[in-house]
Amino acid sequence: MSPSSRDAFEEPLLVLEAEFHDPDAYVLTLRGTADATTSDQLEDAFTRAAGQGTPLIVDLGAMTFGDATLLGLLLNACQDTRLILVGPVTATFRRRLSVSGTEAIFTICPSLSRALASLA
């Protein structure tokens, strides 16, 4: 996809954050485009999540695009805590995981409820 055609589909990033109890988890839901232009917003959200000291669930089901910036934050997060991704993950981001050889590192659940259940 050329940059100009990608721009036509770009949506601003919205990061929703939530705490769950029983089981304890911190959830980041990403909607829209997660890339270098939103790195400050993403870094802030991942920093807050790291401060919780609980497993982290990152819901990518509404993400329209994610680049290496997001992948780097996910890789850093999984070094510090248990990390579960929620899909469906876009074909482009799944390809990024595959090409980078990191796909096997992540647990991807089809829904938030399944991700939470896997922590129980």
C-alpha atoms as a PDB file:
ATOM      1  CA  MET A   1       0.000   0.000   0.000  1.00  0.00           C
ATOM      2  CA  SER A   2       1.470   3.356  -0.930  1.00  0.00           C
ATOM      3  CA  PRO A   3       1.726   6.050   1.745  1.00  0.00           C
ATOM      4  CA  SER A   4      -0.967   8.134   0.074  1.00  0.00           C
ATOM      5  CA  SER A   5      -3.446   5.257  -0.046  1.00  0.00           C
ATOM      6  CA  ARG A   6      -2.659   4.363   3.589  1.00  0.00           C
ATOM      7  CA  ASP A   7      -3.303   7.984   4.609  1.00  0.00           C
ATOM      8  CA  ALA A   8      -6.805   7.742   3.176  1.00  0.00           C
ATOM      9  CA  PHE A   9      -7.593   5.003   5.713  1.00  0.00           C
ATOM     10  CA  GLU A  10      -5.692   6.440   8.655  1.00  0.00           C
ATOM     11  CA  GLU A  11      -7.749   7.029  11.759  1.00  0.00           C
ATOM     12  CA  PRO A  12      -6.555   8.935  14.800  1.00  0.00           C
ATOM     13  CA  LEU A  13      -5.401   6.691  17.632  1.00  0.00           C
ATOM     14  CA  LEU A  14      -7.692   6.272  20.599  1.00  0.00           C
ATOM     15  CA  VAL A  15      -6.316   4.397  23.602  1.00  0.00           C
ATOM     16  CA  LEU A  16      -8.834   3.197  26.161  1.00  0.00           C
ATOM     17  CA  GLU A  17      -7.515   1.967  29.499  1.00  0.00           C
ATOM     18  CA  ALA A  18      -9.288  -0.196  32.059  1.00  0.00           C
ATOM     19  CA  GLU A  19      -8.466  -2.151  35.193  1.00  0.00           C
ATOM     20  CA  PHE A  20     -10.056  -5.518  35.841  1.00  0.00           C
ATOM     21  CA  HIS A  21     -10.195  -7.450  39.097  1.00  0.00           C
ATOM     22  CA  ASP A  22     -10.757 -11.177  39.518  1.00  0.00           C
ATOM     23  CA  PRO A  23      -8.613 -11.807  37.627  1.00  0.00           C
ATOM     24  CA  ASP A  24      -6.386  -8.771  37.947  1.00  0.00           C
ATOM     25  CA  ALA A  25      -5.431  -7.280  34.595  1.00  0.00           C
ATOM     26  CA  TYR A  26      -4.831  -3.946  32.949  1.00  0.00           C
ATOM     27  CA  VAL A  27      -6.352  -3.547  29.497  1.00  0.00           C
ATOM     28  CA  LEU A  28      -5.285  -1.207  26.726  1.00  0.00           C
ATOM     29  CA  THR A  29      -7.699  -1.049  23.797  1.00  0.00           C
ATOM     30  CA  LEU A  30      -6.193   0.508  20.678  1.00  0.00           C
ATOM     31  CA  ARG A  31      -8.480   1.972  18.035  1.00  0.00           C
ATOM     32  CA  GLY A  32      -7.217   3.525  14.819  1.00  0.00           C
ATOM     33  CA  THR A  33      -3.617   3.991  13.739  1.00  0.00           C
ATOM     34  CA  ALA A  34      -0.754   3.052  16.091  1.00  0.00           C
ATOM     35  CA  ASP A  35       2.481   4.275  14.545  1.00  0.00           C
ATOM     36  CA  ALA A  36       5.432   6.621  15.013  1.00  0.00           C
ATOM     37  CA  THR A  37       3.140   9.673  14.891  1.00  0.00           C
ATOM     38  CA  THR A  38       1.335   8.404  17.994  1.00  0.00           C
ATOM     39  CA  SER A  39       4.413   7.079  19.813  1.00  0.00           C
ATOM     40  CA  ASP A  40       4.156   9.527  22.734  1.00  0.00           C
ATOM     41  CA  GLN A  41       0.537   8.559  23.377  1.00  0.00           C
ATOM     42  CA  LEU A  42       1.389   4.846  23.110  1.00  0.00           C
ATOM     43  CA  GLU A  43       4.456   5.126  25.352  1.00  0.00           C
ATOM     44  CA  ASP A  44       2.437   6.964  28.007  1.00  0.00           C
ATOM     45  CA  ALA A  45      -0.253   4.274  27.993  1.00  0.00           C
ATOM     46  CA  PHE A  46       2.270   1.427  28.192  1.00  0.00           C
ATOM     47  CA  THR A  47       4.114   3.213  31.023  1.00  0.00           C
ATOM     48  CA  ARG A  48       0.869   3.538  33.015  1.00  0.00           C
ATOM     49  CA  ALA A  49       0.120  -0.126  32.337  1.00  0.00           C
ATOM     50  CA  ALA A  50       3.578  -1.195  33.527  1.00  0.00           C
ATOM     51  CA  GLY A  51       3.006   0.677  36.775  1.00  0.00           C
ATOM     52  CA  GLN A  52      -0.013  -1.468  37.595  1.00  0.00           C
ATOM     53  CA  GLY A  53       1.993  -4.611  38.319  1.00  0.00           C
ATOM     54  CA  THR A  54      -0.679  -6.847  36.787  1.00  0.00           C
ATOM     55  CA  PRO A  55      -0.892  -8.821  33.542  1.00  0.00           C
ATOM     56  CA  LEU A  56      -1.436  -6.627  30.495  1.00  0.00           C
ATOM     57  CA  ILE A  57      -4.039  -7.280  27.832  1.00  0.00           C
ATOM     58  CA  VAL A  58      -3.750  -5.239  24.633  1.00  0.00           C
ATOM     59  CA  ASP A  59      -6.884  -5.326  22.504  1.00  0.00           C
ATOM     60  CA  LEU A  60      -5.938  -4.793  18.855  1.00  0.00           C
ATOM     61  CA  GLY A  61      -9.340  -5.710  17.413  1.00  0.00           C
ATOM     62  CA  ALA A  62     -10.173  -2.123  16.450  1.00  0.00           C
ATOM     63  CA  MET A  63      -6.667  -1.146  15.388  1.00  0.00           C
ATOM     64  CA  THR A  64      -6.516  -0.274  11.696  1.00  0.00           C
ATOM     65  CA  PHE A  65      -2.714  -0.031  11.415  1.00  0.00           C
ATOM     66  CA  GLY A  66       0.240  -0.807  13.678  1.00  0.00           C
ATOM     67  CA  ASP A  67       3.896  -0.304  12.822  1.00  0.00           C
ATOM     68  CA  ALA A  68       7.257  -1.228  14.339  1.00  0.00           C
ATOM     69  CA  THR A  69       6.740   1.375  17.080  1.00  0.00           C
ATOM     70  CA  LEU A  70       3.841  -0.631  18.466  1.00  0.00           C
ATOM     71  CA  LEU A  71       5.698  -3.912  18.024  1.00  0.00           C
ATOM     72  CA  GLY A  72       8.625  -2.530  20.028  1.00  0.00           C
ATOM     73  CA  LEU A  73       6.336  -1.459  22.867  1.00  0.00           C
ATOM     74  CA  LEU A  74       4.672  -4.875  22.913  1.00  0.00           C
ATOM     75  CA  LEU A  75       8.041  -6.635  23.018  1.00  0.00           C
ATOM     76  CA  ASN A  76       9.215  -4.402  25.876  1.00  0.00           C
ATOM     77  CA  ALA A  77       5.985  -4.993  27.787  1.00  0.00           C
ATOM     78  CA  CYS A  78       6.209  -8.779  27.535  1.00  0.00           C
ATOM     79  CA  GLN A  79       9.648  -8.651  29.184  1.00  0.00           C
ATOM     80  CA  ASP A  80       8.155  -7.034  32.281  1.00  0.00           C
ATOM     81  CA  THR A  81       4.749  -8.683  32.633  1.00  0.00           C
ATOM     82  CA  ARG A  82       2.462 -11.331  31.248  1.00  0.00           C
ATOM     83  CA  LEU A  83       1.056  -9.962  27.991  1.00  0.00           C
ATOM     84  CA  ILE A  84      -1.952 -11.170  26.020  1.00  0.00           C
ATOM     85  CA  LEU A  85      -3.131  -9.702  22.724  1.00  0.00           C
ATOM     86  CA  VAL A  86      -6.759  -9.652  21.646  1.00  0.00           C
ATOM     87  CA  GLY A  87      -7.650  -9.836  17.970  1.00  0.00           C
ATOM     88  CA  PRO A  88      -8.564 -10.064  15.312  1.00  0.00           C
ATOM     89  CA  VAL A  89      -5.199  -8.596  14.387  1.00  0.00           C
ATOM     90  CA  THR A  90      -4.989  -6.890  10.999  1.00  0.00           C
ATOM     91  CA  ALA A  91      -3.343  -8.911   8.242  1.00  0.00           C
ATOM     92  CA  THR A  92      -0.634  -6.256   7.963  1.00  0.00           C
ATOM     93  CA  PHE A  93       0.244  -6.401  11.660  1.00  0.00           C
ATOM     94  CA  ARG A  94       0.108 -10.209  11.701  1.00  0.00           C
ATOM     95  CA  ARG A  95       2.530 -10.166   8.763  1.00  0.00           C
ATOM     96  CA  ARG A  96       4.786  -7.785  10.741  1.00  0.00           C
ATOM     97  CA  LEU A  97       4.782 -10.293  13.618  1.00  0.00           C
ATOM     98  CA  SER A  98       5.553 -13.144  11.251  1.00  0.00           C
ATOM     99  CA  VAL A  99       8.336 -11.389   9.320  1.00  0.00           C
ATOM    100  CA  SER A 100       9.981 -10.187  12.536  1.00  0.00           C
ATOM    101  CA  GLY A 101       9.900 -13.708  13.969  1.00  0.00           C
ATOM    102  CA  THR A 102       7.964 -12.541  17.024  1.00  0.00           C
ATOM    103  CA  GLU A 103       4.562 -14.123  16.358  1.00  0.00           C
ATOM    104  CA  ALA A 104       5.272 -17.095  18.652  1.00  0.00           C
ATOM    105  CA  ILE A 105       6.125 -14.763  21.544  1.00  0.00           C
ATOM    106  CA  PHE A 106       2.568 -13.483  21.842  1.00  0.00           C
ATOM    107  CA  THR A 107      -0.615 -15.178  22.991  1.00  0.00           C
ATOM    108  CA  ILE A 108      -3.485 -13.909  20.836  1.00  0.00           C
ATOM    109  CA  CYS A 109      -7.044 -14.479  22.062  1.00  0.00           C
ATOM    110  CA  PRO A 110     -10.155 -13.918  19.941  1.00  0.00           C
ATOM    111  CA  SER A 111     -11.932 -11.813  22.600  1.00  0.00           C
ATOM    112  CA  LEU A 112     -11.368  -9.878  25.801  1.00  0.00           C
ATOM    113  CA  SER A 113     -13.462 -12.371  27.755  1.00  0.00           C
ATOM    114  CA  ARG A 114     -11.238 -15.251  26.546  1.00  0.00           C
ATOM    115  CA  ALA A 115      -8.112 -13.270  27.431  1.00  0.00           C
ATOM    116  CA  LEU A 116      -9.411 -12.609  30.951  1.00  0.00           C
ATOM    117  CA  ALA A 117     -10.458 -16.250  31.340  1.00  0.00           C
ATOM    118  CA  SER A 118      -6.930 -17.356  30.421  1.00  0.00           C
ATOM    119  CA  LEU A 119      -5.646 -15.434  33.451  1.00  0.00           C
ATOM    120  CA  ALA A 120      -8.023 -17.077  35.922  1.00  0.00           C
END
